[in-house]
């Protein structure tokens, strides 16, 4: 049986915390920033916990 390989692209986008939570950057901060208010773009900075619905799929891709 071959070894399970983690999805390298997902590994670059998601970080696993010490307690096993998945943390990722918020969406919507890459382009079309002129139409978004500065208040909105400031709110999108930083990382947030991945939703519970996506967590099992991402953990499978990470090999956890």
N, C-alpha and C. Protein backbone atom coordinates (compact mmCIF):
# COMPACT_ATOMS: atom_id res chain seq x y z
N UNK A 1 0.85 -1.19 0.00
CA UNK A 1 0.00 0.00 0.00
C UNK A 1 0.89 1.25 0.00
N UNK A 2 0.67 2.17 -0.94
CA UNK A 2 1.50 3.37 -0.97
C UNK A 2 1.19 4.32 0.19
N UNK A 3 2.15 5.16 0.48
CA UNK A 3 1.96 6.11 1.57
C UNK A 3 0.95 7.18 1.18
N UNK A 4 0.24 7.68 2.18
CA UNK A 4 -0.70 8.78 1.96
C UNK A 4 0.09 10.07 1.84
N UNK A 5 -0.15 10.81 0.75
CA UNK A 5 0.55 12.08 0.56
C UNK A 5 -0.40 13.22 0.87
N UNK A 6 0.14 14.22 1.57
CA UNK A 6 -0.69 15.38 1.88
C UNK A 6 -0.77 16.27 0.65
N UNK A 7 -1.84 17.02 0.54
CA UNK A 7 -2.07 17.93 -0.57
C UNK A 7 -1.22 19.18 -0.33
N UNK A 8 -0.17 19.37 -1.12
CA UNK A 8 0.79 20.44 -0.84
C UNK A 8 0.15 21.82 -0.98
N UNK A 9 -0.79 21.99 -1.89
CA UNK A 9 -1.46 23.27 -2.05
C UNK A 9 -2.28 23.65 -0.84
N UNK A 10 -2.96 22.67 -0.26
CA UNK A 10 -3.75 22.94 0.94
C UNK A 10 -2.86 23.21 2.13
N UNK A 11 -1.71 22.56 2.17
CA UNK A 11 -0.77 22.80 3.26
C UNK A 11 -0.24 24.21 3.28
N UNK A 12 -0.17 24.85 2.10
CA UNK A 12 0.31 26.23 2.03
C UNK A 12 -0.77 27.23 2.45
N UNK A 13 -2.02 26.84 2.37
CA UNK A 13 -3.12 27.76 2.63
C UNK A 13 -3.70 27.66 4.03
N UNK A 14 -3.50 26.52 4.69
CA UNK A 14 -4.14 26.27 5.98
C UNK A 14 -3.08 25.92 7.01
N UNK A 15 -3.24 26.46 8.22
CA UNK A 15 -2.33 26.15 9.32
C UNK A 15 -3.10 25.41 10.39
N UNK A 16 -2.49 24.41 11.00
CA UNK A 16 -3.12 23.66 12.08
C UNK A 16 -2.57 24.19 13.40
N UNK A 17 -3.47 24.58 14.30
CA UNK A 17 -3.05 25.11 15.59
C UNK A 17 -2.65 23.96 16.51
N UNK A 18 -2.18 24.31 17.67
CA UNK A 18 -1.75 23.31 18.63
C UNK A 18 -2.88 22.41 19.10
N UNK A 19 -4.09 22.94 19.14
CA UNK A 19 -5.24 22.14 19.57
C UNK A 19 -5.93 21.42 18.42
N UNK A 20 -5.39 21.57 17.20
CA UNK A 20 -5.96 20.85 16.06
C UNK A 20 -6.95 21.63 15.24
N UNK A 21 -7.15 22.92 15.56
CA UNK A 21 -8.06 23.73 14.75
C UNK A 21 -7.38 24.14 13.46
N UNK A 22 -8.18 24.39 12.44
CA UNK A 22 -7.66 24.82 11.15
C UNK A 22 -7.86 26.33 11.01
N UNK A 23 -6.80 27.03 10.66
CA UNK A 23 -6.84 28.48 10.55
C UNK A 23 -6.40 28.86 9.15
N UNK A 24 -7.14 29.79 8.51
CA UNK A 24 -6.81 30.22 7.16
C UNK A 24 -7.10 31.70 7.01
N UNK A 25 -6.56 32.29 5.95
CA UNK A 25 -6.80 33.69 5.64
C UNK A 25 -8.23 33.86 5.13
N UNK A 26 -8.85 34.99 5.44
CA UNK A 26 -10.20 35.25 4.97
C UNK A 26 -10.19 35.53 3.48
N UNK A 27 -11.27 35.19 2.81
CA UNK A 27 -11.38 35.41 1.38
C UNK A 27 -11.80 36.85 1.09
N UNK A 28 -11.52 37.31 -0.12
CA UNK A 28 -12.00 38.60 -0.57
C UNK A 28 -11.01 39.73 -0.42
N UNK A 29 -9.71 39.43 -0.30
CA UNK A 29 -8.73 40.50 -0.10
C UNK A 29 -7.66 40.48 -1.20
N UNK A 30 -7.93 39.80 -2.31
CA UNK A 30 -6.92 39.65 -3.36
C UNK A 30 -7.04 40.71 -4.45
N UNK A 31 -8.23 41.01 -4.89
CA UNK A 31 -8.39 41.97 -5.99
C UNK A 31 -9.70 42.72 -5.83
N UNK A 32 -9.91 43.70 -6.69
CA UNK A 32 -11.08 44.58 -6.65
C UNK A 32 -11.20 45.28 -5.31
N UNK A 33 -10.07 45.82 -4.86
CA UNK A 33 -10.06 46.48 -3.55
C UNK A 33 -10.55 47.93 -3.62
N UNK A 34 -10.61 48.49 -4.84
CA UNK A 34 -11.04 49.89 -4.96
C UNK A 34 -12.49 50.09 -4.56
N UNK A 35 -13.31 49.11 -4.87
CA UNK A 35 -14.74 49.28 -4.57
C UNK A 35 -15.07 48.94 -3.12
N UNK A 36 -14.16 48.28 -2.43
CA UNK A 36 -14.41 47.93 -1.02
C UNK A 36 -13.93 49.08 -0.13
N UNK A 37 -14.70 49.33 0.91
CA UNK A 37 -14.32 50.40 1.82
C UNK A 37 -13.11 49.97 2.64
N UNK A 38 -12.38 50.96 3.16
CA UNK A 38 -11.21 50.65 3.96
C UNK A 38 -11.60 49.93 5.24
N UNK A 39 -12.80 50.24 5.75
CA UNK A 39 -13.30 49.54 6.94
C UNK A 39 -13.47 48.05 6.63
N UNK A 40 -13.98 47.75 5.45
CA UNK A 40 -14.22 46.36 5.03
C UNK A 40 -12.90 45.62 4.85
N UNK A 41 -11.92 46.26 4.19
CA UNK A 41 -10.64 45.59 3.95
C UNK A 41 -9.88 45.38 5.25
N UNK A 42 -9.97 46.30 6.19
CA UNK A 42 -9.32 46.10 7.48
C UNK A 42 -9.93 44.92 8.23
N UNK A 43 -11.23 44.77 8.11
CA UNK A 43 -11.91 43.67 8.79
C UNK A 43 -11.51 42.31 8.21
N UNK A 44 -11.11 42.28 6.94
CA UNK A 44 -10.75 41.03 6.29
C UNK A 44 -9.31 40.60 6.58
N UNK A 45 -8.49 41.45 7.19
CA UNK A 45 -7.12 41.06 7.46
C UNK A 45 -7.07 40.02 8.57
N UNK A 46 -5.95 39.31 8.63
CA UNK A 46 -5.77 38.31 9.67
C UNK A 46 -6.35 36.96 9.27
N UNK A 47 -6.29 36.04 10.19
CA UNK A 47 -6.75 34.68 9.93
C UNK A 47 -7.97 34.36 10.77
N UNK A 48 -8.77 33.42 10.28
CA UNK A 48 -9.96 32.96 11.00
C UNK A 48 -9.99 31.44 10.98
N UNK A 49 -10.79 30.88 11.86
CA UNK A 49 -10.95 29.43 11.90
C UNK A 49 -11.79 28.97 10.72
N UNK A 50 -11.43 27.84 10.13
CA UNK A 50 -12.16 27.29 9.00
C UNK A 50 -13.51 26.79 9.49
N UNK A 51 -14.55 26.90 8.64
CA UNK A 51 -15.89 26.49 9.04
C UNK A 51 -15.95 25.00 9.33
N UNK A 52 -16.89 24.61 10.17
CA UNK A 52 -17.03 23.21 10.58
C UNK A 52 -17.37 22.31 9.40
N UNK A 53 -18.06 22.86 8.41
CA UNK A 53 -18.46 22.06 7.25
C UNK A 53 -17.24 21.66 6.42
N UNK A 54 -16.27 22.57 6.29
CA UNK A 54 -15.08 22.31 5.46
C UNK A 54 -13.98 21.56 6.19
N UNK A 55 -14.04 21.51 7.51
CA UNK A 55 -12.96 20.93 8.30
C UNK A 55 -12.65 19.47 7.95
N UNK A 56 -13.63 18.56 7.86
CA UNK A 56 -13.28 17.16 7.54
C UNK A 56 -12.61 17.01 6.19
N UNK A 57 -13.06 17.78 5.20
CA UNK A 57 -12.48 17.67 3.85
C UNK A 57 -11.04 18.16 3.85
N UNK A 58 -10.78 19.25 4.54
CA UNK A 58 -9.43 19.80 4.57
C UNK A 58 -8.49 18.90 5.36
N UNK A 59 -8.98 18.35 6.46
CA UNK A 59 -8.15 17.43 7.25
C UNK A 59 -7.77 16.19 6.44
N UNK A 60 -8.68 15.72 5.59
CA UNK A 60 -8.38 14.58 4.73
C UNK A 60 -7.29 14.93 3.73
N UNK A 61 -7.37 16.16 3.18
CA UNK A 61 -6.35 16.59 2.23
C UNK A 61 -5.00 16.76 2.89
N UNK A 62 -4.99 17.15 4.17
CA UNK A 62 -3.75 17.32 4.88
C UNK A 62 -3.19 16.00 5.41
N UNK A 63 -3.96 14.94 5.31
CA UNK A 63 -3.50 13.64 5.79
C UNK A 63 -3.58 13.49 7.28
N UNK A 64 -4.57 14.12 7.92
CA UNK A 64 -4.74 14.06 9.37
C UNK A 64 -5.98 13.29 9.74
